[in-house]
Amino acid sequence: MIPGLRPPGDPHAVTGSDGWFAIEDRRAGEKVDLLFWRTGYVTERRPGIEAGAAAPLAVELRPASQVSGTVTSGDRPVRRRAHHALAQCRGGRPGGTASS
């Protein structure tokens, strides 16, 4: 999951004012992949979480940042149809890419 991207559809749960959440009706021991997101924060992914685990899950969302700039050709800005891509680095190596 690329930071900032959101899954389609409505979320399965929304946190309360204290940050608590619960996703109901999962079979004990079932493995689920969870995503946590909020505008202004980096999306957090937790794959393979076991439903019914003894300890509640602790998730920390980190504030998001942005990269911005201007695409030019010579001394003029390119106003239309310039393509942008994001390449994430993990462990010093480029990882997955996504176009926008």
N, C-alpha and C. Protein backbone atom coordinates (compact mmCIF):
# COMPACT_ATOMS: atom_id res chain seq x y z
N MET A 1 0.85 -1.17 0.00
CA MET A 1 0.00 0.00 0.00
C MET A 1 0.89 1.22 0.00
N ILE A 2 0.63 2.11 -0.92
CA ILE A 2 1.37 3.36 -1.01
C ILE A 2 0.78 4.33 0.00
N PRO A 3 1.64 5.03 0.81
CA PRO A 3 1.10 5.99 1.77
C PRO A 3 0.16 6.98 1.10
N GLY A 4 -0.96 7.22 1.76
CA GLY A 4 -1.93 8.16 1.23
C GLY A 4 -3.02 7.53 0.40
N LEU A 5 -2.80 6.33 -0.15
CA LEU A 5 -3.85 5.66 -0.90
C LEU A 5 -4.83 5.02 0.06
N ARG A 6 -6.08 5.00 -0.33
CA ARG A 6 -7.13 4.46 0.51
C ARG A 6 -7.82 3.31 -0.21
N PRO A 7 -8.27 2.29 0.54
CA PRO A 7 -9.02 1.21 -0.11
C PRO A 7 -10.39 1.73 -0.54
N PRO A 8 -11.00 1.09 -1.54
CA PRO A 8 -12.32 1.52 -1.98
C PRO A 8 -13.39 1.16 -0.94
N GLY A 9 -14.49 1.86 -0.98
CA GLY A 9 -15.62 1.54 -0.11
C GLY A 9 -15.53 2.15 1.27
N ASP A 10 -16.51 1.80 2.09
CA ASP A 10 -16.58 2.31 3.46
C ASP A 10 -15.70 1.47 4.38
N PRO A 11 -15.17 2.07 5.46
CA PRO A 11 -14.36 1.30 6.42
C PRO A 11 -15.24 0.33 7.22
N HIS A 12 -14.62 -0.72 7.76
CA HIS A 12 -15.32 -1.69 8.59
C HIS A 12 -15.52 -1.18 10.02
N ALA A 13 -14.73 -0.20 10.41
CA ALA A 13 -14.85 0.39 11.74
C ALA A 13 -14.25 1.79 11.70
N VAL A 14 -14.70 2.63 12.62
CA VAL A 14 -14.17 3.98 12.78
C VAL A 14 -13.85 4.15 14.26
N THR A 15 -12.71 4.77 14.56
CA THR A 15 -12.34 4.93 15.97
C THR A 15 -13.26 5.90 16.68
N GLY A 16 -13.39 5.67 18.00
CA GLY A 16 -14.12 6.60 18.85
C GLY A 16 -13.22 7.75 19.26
N SER A 17 -13.72 8.63 20.10
CA SER A 17 -12.94 9.80 20.53
C SER A 17 -11.70 9.41 21.32
N ASP A 18 -11.68 8.19 21.87
CA ASP A 18 -10.51 7.71 22.62
C ASP A 18 -9.57 6.89 21.76
N GLY A 19 -9.87 6.74 20.45
CA GLY A 19 -9.03 5.98 19.55
C GLY A 19 -9.37 4.50 19.47
N TRP A 20 -10.30 4.03 20.31
CA TRP A 20 -10.66 2.61 20.35
C TRP A 20 -11.46 2.22 19.10
N PHE A 21 -11.23 1.00 18.60
CA PHE A 21 -12.01 0.46 17.50
C PHE A 21 -12.25 -1.02 17.73
N ALA A 22 -13.24 -1.57 17.06
CA ALA A 22 -13.49 -3.02 17.09
C ALA A 22 -14.11 -3.40 15.75
N ILE A 23 -13.65 -4.50 15.20
CA ILE A 23 -14.23 -5.07 13.99
C ILE A 23 -14.87 -6.39 14.43
N GLU A 24 -16.18 -6.43 14.38
CA GLU A 24 -16.97 -7.54 14.93
C GLU A 24 -17.10 -8.70 13.94
N ASP A 25 -17.62 -9.80 14.47
CA ASP A 25 -18.03 -10.97 13.68
C ASP A 25 -16.91 -11.63 12.89
N ARG A 26 -15.75 -11.75 13.50
CA ARG A 26 -14.64 -12.50 12.89
C ARG A 26 -14.50 -13.80 13.65
N ARG A 27 -14.20 -14.86 12.96
CA ARG A 27 -13.99 -16.18 13.58
C ARG A 27 -12.68 -16.14 14.38
N ALA A 28 -12.67 -16.69 15.59
CA ALA A 28 -11.46 -16.74 16.42
C ALA A 28 -10.35 -17.44 15.64
N GLY A 29 -9.18 -16.84 15.61
CA GLY A 29 -8.04 -17.40 14.90
C GLY A 29 -7.96 -17.01 13.44
N GLU A 30 -9.02 -16.39 12.91
CA GLU A 30 -9.01 -15.95 11.51
C GLU A 30 -7.96 -14.87 11.32
N LYS A 31 -7.19 -14.97 10.24
CA LYS A 31 -6.17 -13.96 9.93
C LYS A 31 -6.80 -12.89 9.05
N VAL A 32 -6.60 -11.64 9.43
CA VAL A 32 -7.13 -10.51 8.66
C VAL A 32 -6.02 -9.51 8.39
N ASP A 33 -6.13 -8.82 7.28
CA ASP A 33 -5.21 -7.73 6.93
C ASP A 33 -5.94 -6.42 7.21
N LEU A 34 -5.32 -5.56 8.00
CA LEU A 34 -5.97 -4.32 8.41
C LEU A 34 -5.24 -3.10 7.84
N LEU A 35 -6.01 -2.09 7.50
CA LEU A 35 -5.48 -0.79 7.07
C LEU A 35 -6.06 0.27 7.98
N PHE A 36 -5.24 1.23 8.35
CA PHE A 36 -5.67 2.34 9.21
C PHE A 36 -5.31 3.63 8.49
N TRP A 37 -6.27 4.54 8.35
CA TRP A 37 -5.99 5.78 7.64
C TRP A 37 -6.84 6.92 8.16
N ARG A 38 -6.30 8.11 7.98
CA ARG A 38 -7.00 9.35 8.31
C ARG A 38 -6.33 10.45 7.50
N THR A 39 -7.11 11.39 7.02
CA THR A 39 -6.55 12.51 6.27
C THR A 39 -5.47 13.19 7.10
N GLY A 40 -4.33 13.44 6.47
CA GLY A 40 -3.22 14.09 7.16
C GLY A 40 -2.22 13.13 7.79
N TYR A 41 -2.49 11.81 7.68
CA TYR A 41 -1.61 10.81 8.26
C TYR A 41 -1.25 9.76 7.20
N VAL A 42 -0.12 9.09 7.40
CA VAL A 42 0.32 8.03 6.51
C VAL A 42 -0.51 6.78 6.80
N THR A 43 -1.00 6.11 5.76
CA THR A 43 -1.76 4.88 5.91
C THR A 43 -0.88 3.80 6.54
N GLU A 44 -1.39 3.12 7.53
CA GLU A 44 -0.66 2.06 8.23
C GLU A 44 -1.29 0.73 7.86
N ARG A 45 -0.48 -0.25 7.48
CA ARG A 45 -0.96 -1.58 7.09
C ARG A 45 -0.49 -2.60 8.12
N ARG A 46 -1.40 -3.46 8.54
CA ARG A 46 -1.08 -4.55 9.47
C ARG A 46 -1.60 -5.86 8.88
N PRO A 47 -0.78 -6.61 8.16
CA PRO A 47 -1.23 -7.87 7.57
C PRO A 47 -1.18 -9.02 8.58
N GLY A 48 -2.05 -10.00 8.39
CA GLY A 48 -1.99 -11.24 9.15
C GLY A 48 -2.31 -11.14 10.62
N ILE A 49 -3.18 -10.21 11.01
CA ILE A 49 -3.56 -10.08 12.42
C ILE A 49 -4.57 -11.18 12.75
N GLU A 50 -4.36 -11.86 13.86
CA GLU A 50 -5.23 -12.96 14.26
C GLU A 50 -6.40 -12.45 15.10
N ALA A 51 -7.62 -12.69 14.64
CA ALA A 51 -8.81 -12.29 15.38
C ALA A 51 -8.87 -13.05 16.71
N GLY A 52 -9.26 -12.34 17.75
CA GLY A 52 -9.39 -12.96 19.07
C GLY A 52 -8.09 -13.03 19.85
N ALA A 53 -7.03 -12.39 19.35
CA ALA A 53 -5.76 -12.38 20.09
C ALA A 53 -5.97 -11.73 21.45
N ALA A 54 -5.21 -12.18 22.43
CA ALA A 54 -5.40 -11.73 23.81
C ALA A 54 -5.18 -10.22 23.99
N ALA A 55 -4.12 -9.67 23.41
CA ALA A 55 -3.80 -8.26 23.63
C ALA A 55 -4.43 -7.38 22.54
N PRO A 56 -4.98 -6.23 22.92
CA PRO A 56 -5.49 -5.31 21.91
C PRO A 56 -4.34 -4.81 21.02
N LEU A 57 -4.64 -4.55 19.79
CA LEU A 57 -3.67 -4.07 18.82
C LEU A 57 -3.38 -2.59 19.08
N ALA A 58 -2.11 -2.21 19.08
CA ALA A 58 -1.73 -0.80 19.21
C ALA A 58 -1.20 -0.32 17.86
N VAL A 59 -1.79 0.74 17.34
CA VAL A 59 -1.41 1.27 16.03
C VAL A 59 -1.12 2.75 16.18
N GLU A 60 0.02 3.19 15.65
CA GLU A 60 0.36 4.61 15.68
C GLU A 60 0.38 5.15 14.26
N LEU A 61 -0.44 6.17 14.00
CA LEU A 61 -0.43 6.83 12.70
C LEU A 61 0.57 7.98 12.75
N ARG A 62 1.39 8.06 11.71
CA ARG A 62 2.39 9.12 11.63
C ARG A 62 1.88 10.25 10.74
N PRO A 63 2.17 11.50 11.10
CA PRO A 63 1.75 12.61 10.26
C PRO A 63 2.32 12.47 8.85
N ALA A 64 1.52 12.83 7.87
CA ALA A 64 1.94 12.75 6.46
C ALA A 64 2.72 14.00 6.06
N SER A 65 3.54 13.85 5.08
CA SER A 65 4.26 14.95 4.47
C SER A 65 3.91 14.96 2.99
N GLN A 66 4.44 15.90 2.27
CA GLN A 66 4.17 15.95 0.84
C GLN A 66 5.43 16.28 0.08
N VAL A 67 5.41 15.95 -1.18
CA VAL A 67 6.45 16.34 -2.11
C VAL A 67 5.74 17.15 -3.19
N SER A 68 6.22 18.34 -3.47
CA SER A 68 5.57 19.16 -4.49
C SER A 68 6.62 19.89 -5.30
N GLY A 69 6.23 20.38 -6.44
CA GLY A 69 7.16 21.10 -7.30
C GLY A 69 6.47 21.56 -8.57
N THR A 70 7.24 22.00 -9.52
CA THR A 70 6.73 22.46 -10.80
C THR A 70 7.46 21.74 -11.91
N VAL A 71 6.72 21.23 -12.89
CA VAL A 71 7.30 20.57 -14.06
C VAL A 71 7.48 21.63 -15.13
N THR A 72 8.69 21.73 -15.66
CA THR A 72 8.97 22.75 -16.67
C THR A 72 9.58 22.15 -17.92
N SER A 73 9.53 22.91 -18.97
CA SER A 73 10.23 22.62 -20.21
C SER A 73 10.93 23.91 -20.59
N GLY A 74 12.25 23.91 -20.40
CA GLY A 74 12.98 25.17 -20.58
C GLY A 74 12.59 26.12 -19.48
N ASP A 75 12.11 27.29 -19.86
CA ASP A 75 11.72 28.28 -18.85
C ASP A 75 10.21 28.36 -18.68
N ARG A 76 9.46 27.43 -19.26
CA ARG A 76 8.00 27.46 -19.17
C ARG A 76 7.47 26.25 -18.39
N PRO A 77 6.43 26.46 -17.58
CA PRO A 77 5.82 25.31 -16.91
C PRO A 77 5.05 24.44 -17.90
N VAL A 78 5.10 23.14 -17.69
CA VAL A 78 4.29 22.20 -18.47
C VAL A 78 2.93 22.15 -17.78
N ARG A 79 1.91 22.62 -18.43
CA ARG A 79 0.62 22.80 -17.77
C ARG A 79 -0.30 21.60 -17.85
N ARG A 80 -0.17 20.76 -18.84
CA ARG A 80 -1.11 19.65 -19.00
C ARG A 80 -0.39 18.35 -19.31
N ARG A 81 -0.98 17.29 -18.80
CA ARG A 81 -0.62 15.92 -19.16
C ARG A 81 0.82 15.53 -18.82
N ALA A 82 1.42 16.16 -17.85
CA ALA A 82 2.71 15.69 -17.35
C ALA A 82 2.40 14.54 -16.38
N HIS A 83 3.08 13.44 -16.52
CA HIS A 83 2.84 12.26 -15.67
C HIS A 83 3.79 12.28 -14.49
N HIS A 84 3.31 11.77 -13.36
CA HIS A 84 4.09 11.75 -12.11
C HIS A 84 4.09 10.32 -11.59
N ALA A 85 5.17 9.91 -10.98
CA ALA A 85 5.25 8.57 -10.40
C ALA A 85 5.93 8.66 -9.04
N LEU A 86 5.58 7.72 -8.20
CA LEU A 86 6.16 7.61 -6.86
C LEU A 86 6.90 6.29 -6.78
N ALA A 87 8.15 6.32 -6.38
CA ALA A 87 8.92 5.09 -6.17
C ALA A 87 9.37 5.11 -4.71
N GLN A 88 8.93 4.14 -3.94
CA GLN A 88 9.31 4.07 -2.54
C GLN A 88 10.60 3.28 -2.38
N CYS A 89 11.43 3.70 -1.45
CA CYS A 89 12.67 2.98 -1.15
C CYS A 89 12.52 2.26 0.18
N ARG A 90 12.85 0.99 0.18
CA ARG A 90 12.83 0.19 1.40
C ARG A 90 14.21 -0.44 1.55
N GLY A 91 14.85 -0.17 2.63
CA GLY A 91 16.17 -0.73 2.87
C GLY A 91 17.20 -0.27 1.86
N GLY A 92 17.05 0.97 1.35
CA GLY A 92 18.03 1.51 0.43
C GLY A 92 17.80 1.14 -1.02
N ARG A 93 16.74 0.36 -1.30
CA ARG A 93 16.45 -0.05 -2.68
C ARG A 93 15.08 0.45 -3.09
N PRO A 94 14.93 0.87 -4.34
CA PRO A 94 13.59 1.28 -4.79
C PRO A 94 12.61 0.13 -4.68
N GLY A 95 11.40 0.44 -4.23
CA GLY A 95 10.36 -0.58 -4.10
C GLY A 95 9.29 -0.37 -5.15
N GLY A 96 8.04 -0.67 -4.79
CA GLY A 96 6.92 -0.55 -5.72
C GLY A 96 6.72 0.86 -6.21
N THR A 97 6.10 1.00 -7.36
CA THR A 97 5.81 2.31 -7.91
C THR A 97 4.32 2.44 -8.15
N ALA A 98 3.86 3.67 -8.18
CA ALA A 98 2.46 3.97 -8.50
C ALA A 98 2.42 5.24 -9.29
N SER A 99 1.60 5.29 -10.30
CA SER A 99 1.45 6.50 -11.09
C SER A 99 0.27 7.30 -10.60
N SER A 100 0.33 8.60 -10.78
CA SER A 100 -0.80 9.45 -10.42
C SER A 100 -1.08 10.41 -11.55
